Amino acid sequence: MSVWPVGVEVPKDLSVVGFDDLEMARHLHPALTTMRVPTEAMWSTAADRLLGTLAGETPPRNTEVEVALVVRESTGPAPRA
């Protein structure tokens, strides 16, 4: 458990979630829960769409990517009402 300067205890009082699952997330205290996204695949898809658009193709309106929630120490159970 970590106490922030304002007296909030993570994850007892507040859950914290990051995005992109950077390497440092697992080394923080408490280790940061994050959303893992396929960054390289997203950049590759963006480049393909850009090149296609420049070549006169109509890109798809939406693209789905697989993401994963990586649960670590910075999240706790939801409080009971």
PDB file of N, CA and C in Angstrom:
ATOM      1  N   MET A   1       0.851  -1.176   0.000  1.00  0.00           N
ATOM      2  CA  MET A   1       0.000   0.000   0.000  1.00  0.00           C
ATOM      3  C   MET A   1       0.894   1.235   0.000  1.00  0.00           C
ATOM      4  N   SER A   2       0.478   2.243  -0.710  1.00  0.00           N
ATOM      5  CA  SER A   2       1.230   3.483  -0.803  1.00  0.00           C
ATOM      6  C   SER A   2       0.345   4.639  -0.356  1.00  0.00           C
ATOM      7  N   VAL A   3       0.916   5.587   0.385  1.00  0.00           N
ATOM      8  CA  VAL A   3       0.164   6.761   0.826  1.00  0.00           C
ATOM      9  C   VAL A   3       0.652   7.966   0.043  1.00  0.00           C
ATOM     10  N   TRP A   4      -0.251   8.617  -0.663  1.00  0.00           N
ATOM     11  CA  TRP A   4       0.080   9.824  -1.397  1.00  0.00           C
ATOM     12  C   TRP A   4       0.137  10.994  -0.426  1.00  0.00           C
ATOM     13  N   PRO A   5       0.765  12.102  -0.817  1.00  0.00           N
ATOM     14  CA  PRO A   5       0.903  13.259   0.081  1.00  0.00           C
ATOM     15  C   PRO A   5      -0.412  13.769   0.660  1.00  0.00           C
ATOM     16  N   VAL A   6      -1.527  13.563  -0.021  1.00  0.00           N
ATOM     17  CA  VAL A   6      -2.817  14.051   0.476  1.00  0.00           C
ATOM     18  C   VAL A   6      -3.460  13.053   1.433  1.00  0.00           C
ATOM     19  N   GLY A   7      -2.768  11.971   1.760  1.00  0.00           N
ATOM     20  CA  GLY A   7      -3.285  10.994   2.699  1.00  0.00           C
ATOM     21  C   GLY A   7      -4.163   9.923   2.089  1.00  0.00           C
ATOM     22  N   VAL A   8      -4.183   9.821   0.783  1.00  0.00           N
ATOM     23  CA  VAL A   8      -4.973   8.803   0.096  1.00  0.00           C
ATOM     24  C   VAL A   8      -4.120   7.539  -0.021  1.00  0.00           C
ATOM     25  N   GLU A   9      -4.676   6.410   0.392  1.00  0.00           N
ATOM     26  CA  GLU A   9      -3.948   5.151   0.305  1.00  0.00           C
ATOM     27  C   GLU A   9      -4.365   4.387  -0.947  1.00  0.00           C
ATOM     28  N   VAL A  10      -3.365   4.037  -1.751  1.00  0.00           N
ATOM     29  CA  VAL A  10      -3.591   3.266  -2.979  1.00  0.00           C
ATOM     30  C   VAL A  10      -3.172   1.830  -2.694  1.00  0.00           C
ATOM     31  N   PRO A  11      -4.030   0.843  -2.898  1.00  0.00           N
ATOM     32  CA  PRO A  11      -5.346   0.864  -3.508  1.00  0.00           C
ATOM     33  C   PRO A  11      -6.493   0.865  -2.510  1.00  0.00           C
ATOM     34  N   LYS A  12      -6.221   1.051  -1.224  1.00  0.00           N
ATOM     35  CA  LYS A  12      -7.296   0.999  -0.225  1.00  0.00           C
ATOM     36  C   LYS A  12      -8.371   2.057  -0.484  1.00  0.00           C
ATOM     37  N   ASP A  13      -7.964   3.313  -0.674  1.00  0.00           N
ATOM     38  CA  ASP A  13      -8.918   4.414  -0.857  1.00  0.00           C
ATOM     39  C   ASP A  13      -9.195   4.732  -2.330  1.00  0.00           C
ATOM     40  N   LEU A  14      -8.243   4.426  -3.173  1.00  0.00           N
ATOM     41  CA  LEU A  14      -8.334   4.830  -4.573  1.00  0.00           C
ATOM     42  C   LEU A  14      -7.590   3.827  -5.439  1.00  0.00           C
ATOM     43  N   SER A  15      -8.245   3.349  -6.496  1.00  0.00           N
ATOM     44  CA  SER A  15      -7.576   2.497  -7.484  1.00  0.00           C
ATOM     45  C   SER A  15      -7.039   3.383  -8.590  1.00  0.00           C
ATOM     46  N   VAL A  16      -5.851   3.032  -9.098  1.00  0.00           N
ATOM     47  CA  VAL A  16      -5.213   3.805 -10.158  1.00  0.00           C
ATOM     48  C   VAL A  16      -4.891   2.848 -11.307  1.00  0.00           C
ATOM     49  N   VAL A  17      -5.290   3.268 -12.528  1.00  0.00           N
ATOM     50  CA  VAL A  17      -5.041   2.450 -13.716  1.00  0.00           C
ATOM     51  C   VAL A  17      -4.352   3.306 -14.758  1.00  0.00           C
ATOM     52  N   GLY A  18      -3.313   2.766 -15.366  1.00  0.00           N
ATOM     53  CA  GLY A  18      -2.594   3.468 -16.423  1.00  0.00           C
ATOM     54  C   GLY A  18      -2.967   2.905 -17.785  1.00  0.00           C
ATOM     55  N   PHE A  19      -2.280   3.382 -18.804  1.00  0.00           N
ATOM     56  CA  PHE A  19      -2.559   2.962 -20.175  1.00  0.00           C
ATOM     57  C   PHE A  19      -1.247   2.702 -20.886  1.00  0.00           C
ATOM     58  N   ASP A  20      -1.162   1.632 -21.646  1.00  0.00           N
ATOM     59  CA  ASP A  20      -0.051   1.305 -22.526  1.00  0.00           C
ATOM     60  C   ASP A  20       0.944   0.326 -21.901  1.00  0.00           C
ATOM     61  N   ASP A  21       0.803  -0.033 -20.652  1.00  0.00           N
ATOM     62  CA  ASP A  21       1.658  -1.019 -19.995  1.00  0.00           C
ATOM     63  C   ASP A  21       3.143  -0.788 -20.251  1.00  0.00           C
ATOM     64  N   LEU A  22       3.579   0.422 -19.956  1.00  0.00           N
ATOM     65  CA  LEU A  22       5.008   0.730 -20.089  1.00  0.00           C
ATOM     66  C   LEU A  22       5.805  -0.120 -19.109  1.00  0.00           C
ATOM     67  N   GLU A  23       7.056  -0.378 -19.432  1.00  0.00           N
ATOM     68  CA  GLU A  23       7.929  -1.219 -18.604  1.00  0.00           C
ATOM     69  C   GLU A  23       7.968  -0.756 -17.151  1.00  0.00           C
ATOM     70  N   MET A  24       8.009   0.543 -16.936  1.00  0.00           N
ATOM     71  CA  MET A  24       8.134   1.053 -15.564  1.00  0.00           C
ATOM     72  C   MET A  24       6.900   0.776 -14.703  1.00  0.00           C
ATOM     73  N   ALA A  25       5.750   0.491 -15.320  1.00  0.00           N
ATOM     74  CA  ALA A  25       4.511   0.276 -14.569  1.00  0.00           C
ATOM     75  C   ALA A  25       4.651  -0.851 -13.564  1.00  0.00           C
ATOM     76  N   ARG A  26       5.376  -1.902 -13.919  1.00  0.00           N
ATOM     77  CA  ARG A  26       5.515  -3.047 -13.008  1.00  0.00           C
ATOM     78  C   ARG A  26       6.550  -2.798 -11.913  1.00  0.00           C
ATOM     79  N   HIS A  27       7.371  -1.742 -12.062  1.00  0.00           N
ATOM     80  CA  HIS A  27       8.415  -1.451 -11.091  1.00  0.00           C
ATOM     81  C   HIS A  27       8.029  -0.362 -10.089  1.00  0.00           C
ATOM     82  N   LEU A  28       6.881   0.261 -10.282  1.00  0.00           N
ATOM     83  CA  LEU A  28       6.405   1.276  -9.349  1.00  0.00           C
ATOM     84  C   LEU A  28       5.917   0.611  -8.070  1.00  0.00           C
ATOM     85  N   HIS A  29       5.744   1.400  -7.024  1.00  0.00           N
ATOM     86  CA  HIS A  29       5.179   0.857  -5.789  1.00  0.00           C
ATOM     87  C   HIS A  29       3.988   1.716  -5.382  1.00  0.00           C
ATOM     88  N   PRO A  30       2.784   1.174  -5.377  1.00  0.00           N
ATOM     89  CA  PRO A  30       2.450  -0.180  -5.805  1.00  0.00           C
ATOM     90  C   PRO A  30       2.539  -0.309  -7.327  1.00  0.00           C
ATOM     91  N   ALA A  31       2.775  -1.541  -7.802  1.00  0.00           N
ATOM     92  CA  ALA A  31       2.857  -1.787  -9.246  1.00  0.00           C
ATOM     93  C   ALA A  31       1.549  -1.332  -9.895  1.00  0.00           C
ATOM     94  N   LEU A  32       1.659  -0.652 -11.025  1.00  0.00           N
ATOM     95  CA  LEU A  32       0.516  -0.004 -11.663  1.00  0.00           C
ATOM     96  C   LEU A  32      -0.275  -0.954 -12.555  1.00  0.00           C
ATOM     97  N   THR A  33      -1.574  -1.070 -12.298  1.00  0.00           N
ATOM     98  CA  THR A  33      -2.484  -1.779 -13.184  1.00  0.00           C
ATOM     99  C   THR A  33      -2.596  -0.963 -14.466  1.00  0.00           C
ATOM    100  N   THR A  34      -2.529  -1.625 -15.620  1.00  0.00           N
ATOM    101  CA  THR A  34      -2.580  -0.893 -16.884  1.00  0.00           C
ATOM    102  C   THR A  34      -3.387  -1.639 -17.933  1.00  0.00           C
ATOM    103  N   MET A  35      -3.718  -0.908 -18.991  1.00  0.00           N
ATOM    104  CA  MET A  35      -4.302  -1.504 -20.189  1.00  0.00           C
ATOM    105  C   MET A  35      -3.146  -1.723 -21.166  1.00  0.00           C
ATOM    106  N   ARG A  36      -2.979  -2.972 -21.586  1.00  0.00           N
ATOM    107  CA  ARG A  36      -1.944  -3.283 -22.577  1.00  0.00           C
ATOM    108  C   ARG A  36      -2.582  -3.187 -23.958  1.00  0.00           C
ATOM    109  N   VAL A  37      -1.961  -2.410 -24.838  1.00  0.00           N
ATOM    110  CA  VAL A  37      -2.465  -2.235 -26.203  1.00  0.00           C
ATOM    111  C   VAL A  37      -1.367  -2.636 -27.184  1.00  0.00           C
ATOM    112  N   PRO A  38      -1.745  -3.117 -28.374  1.00  0.00           N
ATOM    113  CA  PRO A  38      -0.756  -3.532 -29.368  1.00  0.00           C
ATOM    114  C   PRO A  38      -0.193  -2.318 -30.127  1.00  0.00           C
ATOM    115  N   THR A  39       0.694  -1.596 -29.489  1.00  0.00           N
ATOM    116  CA  THR A  39       1.205  -0.332 -30.026  1.00  0.00           C
ATOM    117  C   THR A  39       1.799  -0.490 -31.420  1.00  0.00           C
ATOM    118  N   GLU A  40       2.667  -1.482 -31.609  1.00  0.00           N
ATOM    119  CA  GLU A  40       3.301  -1.649 -32.925  1.00  0.00           C
ATOM    120  C   GLU A  40       2.261  -1.943 -34.005  1.00  0.00           C
ATOM    121  N   ALA A  41       1.293  -2.792 -33.692  1.00  0.00           N
ATOM    122  CA  ALA A  41       0.242  -3.110 -34.663  1.00  0.00           C
ATOM    123  C   ALA A  41      -0.585  -1.869 -34.987  1.00  0.00           C
ATOM    124  N   MET A  42      -0.836  -1.034 -33.987  1.00  0.00           N
ATOM    125  CA  MET A  42      -1.611   0.191 -34.222  1.00  0.00           C
ATOM    126  C   MET A  42      -0.847   1.146 -35.139  1.00  0.00           C
ATOM    127  N   TRP A  43       0.472   1.302 -34.921  1.00  0.00           N
ATOM    128  CA  TRP A  43       1.273   2.179 -35.779  1.00  0.00           C
ATOM    129  C   TRP A  43       1.324   1.629 -37.201  1.00  0.00           C
ATOM    130  N   SER A  44       1.467   0.321 -37.329  1.00  0.00           N
ATOM    131  CA  SER A  44       1.521  -0.304 -38.647  1.00  0.00           C
ATOM    132  C   SER A  44       0.198  -0.112 -39.394  1.00  0.00           C
ATOM    133  N   THR A  45      -0.919  -0.308 -38.682  1.00  0.00           N
ATOM    134  CA  THR A  45      -2.232  -0.113 -39.285  1.00  0.00           C
ATOM    135  C   THR A  45      -2.421   1.344 -39.703  1.00  0.00           C
ATOM    136  N   ALA A  46      -1.998   2.267 -38.864  1.00  0.00           N
ATOM    137  CA  ALA A  46      -2.118   3.691 -39.198  1.00  0.00           C
ATOM    138  C   ALA A  46      -1.319   4.024 -40.459  1.00  0.00           C
ATOM    139  N   ALA A  47      -0.107   3.477 -40.564  1.00  0.00           N
ATOM    140  CA  ALA A  47       0.719   3.727 -41.752  1.00  0.00           C
ATOM    141  C   ALA A  47       0.066   3.140 -42.996  1.00  0.00           C
ATOM    142  N   ASP A  48      -0.466   1.917 -42.877  1.00  0.00           N
ATOM    143  CA  ASP A  48      -1.153   1.296 -44.019  1.00  0.00           C
ATOM    144  C   ASP A  48      -2.348   2.128 -44.458  1.00  0.00           C
ATOM    145  N   ARG A  49      -3.105   2.631 -43.482  1.00  0.00           N
ATOM    146  CA  ARG A  49      -4.286   3.446 -43.804  1.00  0.00           C
ATOM    147  C   ARG A  49      -3.873   4.757 -44.476  1.00  0.00           C
ATOM    148  N   LEU A  50      -2.810   5.363 -43.985  1.00  0.00           N
ATOM    149  CA  LEU A  50      -2.327   6.612 -44.577  1.00  0.00           C
ATOM    150  C   LEU A  50      -1.890   6.389 -46.019  1.00  0.00           C
ATOM    151  N   LEU A  51      -1.089   5.358 -46.240  1.00  0.00           N
ATOM    152  CA  LEU A  51      -0.627   5.074 -47.594  1.00  0.00           C
ATOM    153  C   LEU A  51      -1.796   4.733 -48.511  1.00  0.00           C
ATOM    154  N   GLY A  52      -2.763   3.972 -48.002  1.00  0.00           N
ATOM    155  CA  GLY A  52      -3.946   3.644 -48.791  1.00  0.00           C
ATOM    156  C   GLY A  52      -4.744   4.873 -49.154  1.00  0.00           C
ATOM    157  N   THR A  53      -4.904   5.770 -48.197  1.00  0.00           N
ATOM    158  CA  THR A  53      -5.643   7.015 -48.447  1.00  0.00           C
ATOM    159  C   THR A  53      -4.927   7.857 -49.503  1.00  0.00           C
ATOM    160  N   LEU A  54      -3.608   7.946 -49.410  1.00  0.00           N
ATOM    161  CA  LEU A  54      -2.836   8.696 -50.402  1.00  0.00           C
ATOM    162  C   LEU A  54      -2.953   8.069 -51.794  1.00  0.00           C
ATOM    163  N   ALA A  55      -3.203   6.750 -51.820  1.00  0.00           N
ATOM    164  CA  ALA A  55      -3.363   6.049 -53.102  1.00  0.00           C
ATOM    165  C   ALA A  55      -4.809   6.082 -53.591  1.00  0.00           C
ATOM    166  N   GLY A  56      -5.683   6.798 -52.877  1.00  0.00           N
ATOM    167  CA  GLY A  56      -7.063   6.951 -53.317  1.00  0.00           C
ATOM    168  C   GLY A  56      -8.043   5.949 -52.723  1.00  0.00           C
ATOM    169  N   GLU A  57      -7.587   5.085 -51.821  1.00  0.00           N
ATOM    170  CA  GLU A  57      -8.477   4.109 -51.190  1.00  0.00           C
ATOM    171  C   GLU A  57      -9.256   4.770 -50.056  1.00  0.00           C
ATOM    172  N   THR A  58     -10.441   4.239 -49.778  1.00  0.00           N
ATOM    173  CA  THR A  58     -11.246   4.721 -48.660  1.00  0.00           C
ATOM    174  C   THR A  58     -10.970   3.818 -47.456  1.00  0.00           C
ATOM    175  N   PRO A  59     -10.423   4.368 -46.394  1.00  0.00           N
ATOM    176  CA  PRO A  59     -10.109   3.531 -45.234  1.00  0.00           C
ATOM    177  C   PRO A  59     -11.370   3.144 -44.466  1.00  0.00           C
ATOM    178  N   PRO A  60     -11.328   2.037 -43.742  1.00  0.00           N
ATOM    179  CA  PRO A  60     -12.464   1.666 -42.889  1.00  0.00           C
ATOM    180  C   PRO A  60     -12.714   2.753 -41.845  1.00  0.00           C
ATOM    181  N   ARG A  61     -13.961   2.894 -41.439  1.00  0.00           N
ATOM    182  CA  ARG A  61     -14.289   3.900 -40.419  1.00  0.00           C
ATOM    183  C   ARG A  61     -13.806   3.491 -39.038  1.00  0.00           C
ATOM    184  N   ASN A  62     -13.788   2.197 -38.756  1.00  0.00           N
ATOM    185  CA  ASN A  62     -13.425   1.702 -37.425  1.00  0.00           C
ATOM    186  C   ASN A  62     -12.423   0.564 -37.542  1.00  0.00           C
ATOM    187  N   THR A  63     -11.621   0.436 -36.509  1.00  0.00           N
ATOM    188  CA  THR A  63     -10.691  -0.677 -36.413  1.00  0.00           C
ATOM    189  C   THR A  63     -10.717  -1.179 -34.985  1.00  0.00           C
ATOM    190  N   GLU A  64     -10.878  -2.472 -34.824  1.00  0.00           N
ATOM    191  CA  GLU A  64     -10.852  -3.060 -33.482  1.00  0.00           C
ATOM    192  C   GLU A  64      -9.463  -3.606 -33.199  1.00  0.00           C
ATOM    193  N   VAL A  65      -9.011  -3.387 -31.981  1.00  0.00           N
ATOM    194  CA  VAL A  65      -7.721  -3.938 -31.551  1.00  0.00           C
ATOM    195  C   VAL A  65      -7.936  -4.713 -30.256  1.00  0.00           C
ATOM    196  N   GLU A  66      -7.138  -5.735 -30.078  1.00  0.00           N
ATOM    197  CA  GLU A  66      -7.198  -6.532 -28.858  1.00  0.00           C
ATOM    198  C   GLU A  66      -6.451  -5.789 -27.755  1.00  0.00           C
ATOM    199  N   VAL A  67      -7.082  -5.600 -26.627  1.00  0.00           N
ATOM    200  CA  VAL A  67      -6.432  -4.991 -25.473  1.00  0.00           C
ATOM    201  C   VAL A  67      -6.540  -5.962 -24.298  1.00  0.00           C
ATOM    202  N   ALA A  68      -5.707  -5.754 -23.305  1.00  0.00           N
ATOM    203  CA  ALA A  68      -5.750  -6.620 -22.128  1.00  0.00           C
ATOM    204  C   ALA A  68      -5.561  -5.781 -20.880  1.00  0.00           C
ATOM    205  N   LEU A  69      -6.344  -6.081 -19.874  1.00  0.00           N
ATOM    206  CA  LEU A  69      -6.184  -5.429 -18.579  1.00  0.00           C
ATOM    207  C   LEU A  69      -5.137  -6.214 -17.797  1.00  0.00           C
ATOM    208  N   VAL A  70      -4.062  -5.537 -17.409  1.00  0.00           N
ATOM    209  CA  VAL A  70      -2.992  -6.165 -16.637  1.00  0.00           C
ATOM    210  C   VAL A  70      -3.160  -5.695 -15.195  1.00  0.00           C
ATOM    211  N   VAL A  71      -3.729  -6.556 -14.363  1.00  0.00           N
ATOM    212  CA  VAL A  71      -4.026  -6.183 -12.983  1.00  0.00           C
ATOM    213  C   VAL A  71      -2.783  -6.348 -12.126  1.00  0.00           C
ATOM    214  N   ARG A  72      -2.439  -5.262 -11.437  1.00  0.00           N
ATOM    215  CA  ARG A  72      -1.300  -5.289 -10.524  1.00  0.00           C
ATOM    216  C   ARG A  72      -1.768  -4.744  -9.172  1.00  0.00           C
ATOM    217  N   GLU A  73      -0.880  -4.178  -8.399  1.00  0.00           N
ATOM    218  CA  GLU A  73      -1.175  -3.797  -7.020  1.00  0.00           C
ATOM    219  C   GLU A  73      -1.915  -2.476  -6.854  1.00  0.00           C
ATOM    220  N   SER A  74      -2.047  -1.674  -7.900  1.00  0.00           N
ATOM    221  CA  SER A  74      -2.633  -0.333  -7.731  1.00  0.00           C
ATOM    222  C   SER A  74      -4.154  -0.319  -7.773  1.00  0.00           C
ATOM    223  N   THR A  75      -4.782  -1.477  -7.890  1.00  0.00           N
ATOM    224  CA  THR A  75      -6.243  -1.542  -7.879  1.00  0.00           C
ATOM    225  C   THR A  75      -6.726  -2.464  -6.774  1.00  0.00           C
ATOM    226  N   GLY A  76      -7.840  -2.070  -6.197  1.00  0.00           N
ATOM    227  CA  GLY A  76      -8.423  -2.860  -5.136  1.00  0.00           C
ATOM    228  C   GLY A  76      -9.893  -3.104  -5.412  1.00  0.00           C
ATOM    229  N   PRO A  77     -10.561  -3.817  -4.523  1.00  0.00           N
ATOM    230  CA  PRO A  77     -11.985  -4.094  -4.734  1.00  0.00           C
ATOM    231  C   PRO A  77     -12.816  -2.813  -4.616  1.00  0.00           C
ATOM    232  N   ALA A  78     -13.941  -2.794  -5.298  1.00  0.00           N
ATOM    233  CA  ALA A  78     -14.846  -1.652  -5.228  1.00  0.00           C
ATOM    234  C   ALA A  78     -15.436  -1.595  -3.804  1.00  0.00           C
ATOM    235  N   PRO A  79     -15.636  -0.389  -3.282  1.00  0.00           N
ATOM    236  CA  PRO A  79     -16.214  -0.273  -1.941  1.00  0.00           C
ATOM    237  C   PRO A  79     -17.660  -0.756  -1.916  1.00  0.00           C
ATOM    238  N   ARG A  80     -18.083  -1.283  -0.811  1.00  0.00           N
ATOM    239  CA  ARG A  80     -19.470  -1.737  -0.656  1.00  0.00           C
ATOM    240  C   ARG A  80     -20.344  -0.544  -0.295  1.00  0.00           C
ATOM    241  N   ALA A  81     -21.530  -0.527  -0.835  1.00  0.00           N
ATOM    242  CA  ALA A  81     -22.443   0.592  -0.584  1.00  0.00           C
ATOM    243  C   ALA A  81     -23.062   0.493   0.800  1.00  0.00           C
TER     244      ALA A  81
END
